[in-house]
């Protein structure tokens, strides 16, 4: 199993989630009071997903580095 590539997929997804979160944060500045609550909820949800993807991606890539260094040459 290629942990480096698998980790990169998670990191790409994390970048997409971060971009979406940033977009919603910019939208939050001009939102009406009723919309702010919904936007804050979505931002929190997406940001937690971003953190999970980033953490998982980094962890998988660290496993890939250990796997490569342990192989016989």
C-alpha atoms as a PDB file:
ATOM      1  CA  UNK A   1       0.000   0.000   0.000  1.00  0.00           C
ATOM      2  CA  UNK A   2       1.335   3.437  -0.934  1.00  0.00           C
ATOM      3  CA  UNK A   3       0.867   5.494   2.207  1.00  0.00           C
ATOM      4  CA  UNK A   4       2.495   8.577   0.666  1.00  0.00           C
ATOM      5  CA  UNK A   5      -0.050   8.751  -2.184  1.00  0.00           C
ATOM      6  CA  UNK A   6      -2.914   7.895   0.130  1.00  0.00           C
ATOM      7  CA  UNK A   7      -1.816  10.641   2.512  1.00  0.00           C
ATOM      8  CA  UNK A   8      -1.603  13.098  -0.387  1.00  0.00           C
ATOM      9  CA  UNK A   9      -5.240  12.368  -1.276  1.00  0.00           C
ATOM     10  CA  UNK A  10      -6.239  13.304   2.260  1.00  0.00           C
ATOM     11  CA  UNK A  11      -4.122  16.457   2.111  1.00  0.00           C
ATOM     12  CA  UNK A  12      -5.714  17.475  -1.201  1.00  0.00           C
ATOM     13  CA  UNK A  13      -9.146  17.041   0.331  1.00  0.00           C
ATOM     14  CA  UNK A  14      -7.994  19.090   3.332  1.00  0.00           C
ATOM     15  CA  UNK A  15      -6.936  21.917   1.004  1.00  0.00           C
ATOM     16  CA  UNK A  16     -10.351  21.843  -0.711  1.00  0.00           C
ATOM     17  CA  UNK A  17     -12.130  21.961   2.654  1.00  0.00           C
ATOM     18  CA  UNK A  18      -9.922  24.857   3.792  1.00  0.00           C
ATOM     19  CA  UNK A  19     -10.689  26.798   0.611  1.00  0.00           C
ATOM     20  CA  UNK A  20     -14.420  26.277   1.137  1.00  0.00           C
ATOM     21  CA  UNK A  21     -14.127  27.326   4.785  1.00  0.00           C
ATOM     22  CA  UNK A  22     -12.245  30.488   3.801  1.00  0.00           C
ATOM     23  CA  UNK A  23     -14.941  31.321   1.256  1.00  0.00           C
ATOM     24  CA  UNK A  24     -17.674  30.932   3.870  1.00  0.00           C
ATOM     25  CA  UNK A  25     -15.725  33.086   6.337  1.00  0.00           C
ATOM     26  CA  UNK A  26     -15.549  35.889   3.778  1.00  0.00           C
ATOM     27  CA  UNK A  27     -19.289  35.501   3.164  1.00  0.00           C
ATOM     28  CA  UNK A  28     -19.887  35.682   6.906  1.00  0.00           C
ATOM     29  CA  UNK A  29     -18.656  39.283   7.009  1.00  0.00           C
ATOM     30  CA  UNK A  30     -21.574  40.533   4.921  1.00  0.00           C
ATOM     31  CA  UNK A  31     -24.229  38.051   6.084  1.00  0.00           C
ATOM     32  CA  UNK A  32     -27.430  39.003   7.832  1.00  0.00           C
ATOM     33  CA  UNK A  33     -27.883  37.951  11.440  1.00  0.00           C
ATOM     34  CA  UNK A  34     -30.132  35.006  10.564  1.00  0.00           C
ATOM     35  CA  UNK A  35     -27.629  33.668   8.048  1.00  0.00           C
ATOM     36  CA  UNK A  36     -24.641  34.086  10.376  1.00  0.00           C
ATOM     37  CA  UNK A  37     -25.721  31.281  12.694  1.00  0.00           C
ATOM     38  CA  UNK A  38     -26.063  28.836   9.806  1.00  0.00           C
ATOM     39  CA  UNK A  39     -22.755  29.938   8.280  1.00  0.00           C
ATOM     40  CA  UNK A  40     -20.942  29.590  11.605  1.00  0.00           C
ATOM     41  CA  UNK A  41     -22.303  26.064  11.980  1.00  0.00           C
ATOM     42  CA  UNK A  42     -21.147  25.116   8.474  1.00  0.00           C
ATOM     43  CA  UNK A  43     -17.737  26.721   9.017  1.00  0.00           C
ATOM     44  CA  UNK A  44     -17.221  24.779  12.255  1.00  0.00           C
ATOM     45  CA  UNK A  45     -18.257  21.521  10.624  1.00  0.00           C
ATOM     46  CA  UNK A  46     -16.039  22.000   7.562  1.00  0.00           C
ATOM     47  CA  UNK A  47     -13.112  23.179   9.674  1.00  0.00           C
ATOM     48  CA  UNK A  48     -13.273  20.066  11.859  1.00  0.00           C
ATOM     49  CA  UNK A  49     -13.337  17.936   8.693  1.00  0.00           C
ATOM     50  CA  UNK A  50     -10.319  19.899   7.417  1.00  0.00           C
ATOM     51  CA  UNK A  51      -8.375  19.224  10.609  1.00  0.00           C
ATOM     52  CA  UNK A  52      -9.193  15.494  10.464  1.00  0.00           C
ATOM     53  CA  UNK A  53      -8.129  15.202   6.816  1.00  0.00           C
ATOM     54  CA  UNK A  54      -4.922  17.142   7.442  1.00  0.00           C
ATOM     55  CA  UNK A  55      -4.045  15.047  10.478  1.00  0.00           C
ATOM     56  CA  UNK A  56      -4.830  11.756   8.713  1.00  0.00           C
ATOM     57  CA  UNK A  57      -2.881  12.768   5.609  1.00  0.00           C
ATOM     58  CA  UNK A  58       0.201  13.683   7.614  1.00  0.00           C
ATOM     59  CA  UNK A  59      -0.041  10.477   9.635  1.00  0.00           C
ATOM     60  CA  UNK A  60      -0.341   8.310   6.521  1.00  0.00           C
ATOM     61  CA  UNK A  61       2.620  10.030   4.907  1.00  0.00           C
ATOM     62  CA  UNK A  62       4.694   9.481   8.032  1.00  0.00           C
ATOM     63  CA  UNK A  63       3.901   5.759   7.804  1.00  0.00           C
ATOM     64  CA  UNK A  64       5.018   5.824   4.181  1.00  0.00           C
ATOM     65  CA  UNK A  65       8.367   7.279   5.153  1.00  0.00           C
ATOM     66  CA  UNK A  66       8.917   4.559   7.748  1.00  0.00           C
ATOM     67  CA  UNK A  67       7.935   1.863   5.267  1.00  0.00           C
ATOM     68  CA  UNK A  68      10.412   3.138   2.666  1.00  0.00           C
ATOM     69  CA  UNK A  69      13.296   3.338   5.137  1.00  0.00           C
ATOM     70  CA  UNK A  70      12.656  -0.198   6.402  1.00  0.00           C
ATOM     71  CA  UNK A  71      12.871  -1.904   3.031  1.00  0.00           C
ATOM     72  CA  UNK A  72      15.843  -4.026   2.117  1.00  0.00           C
ATOM     73  CA  UNK A  73      18.006  -2.791  -0.734  1.00  0.00           C
END
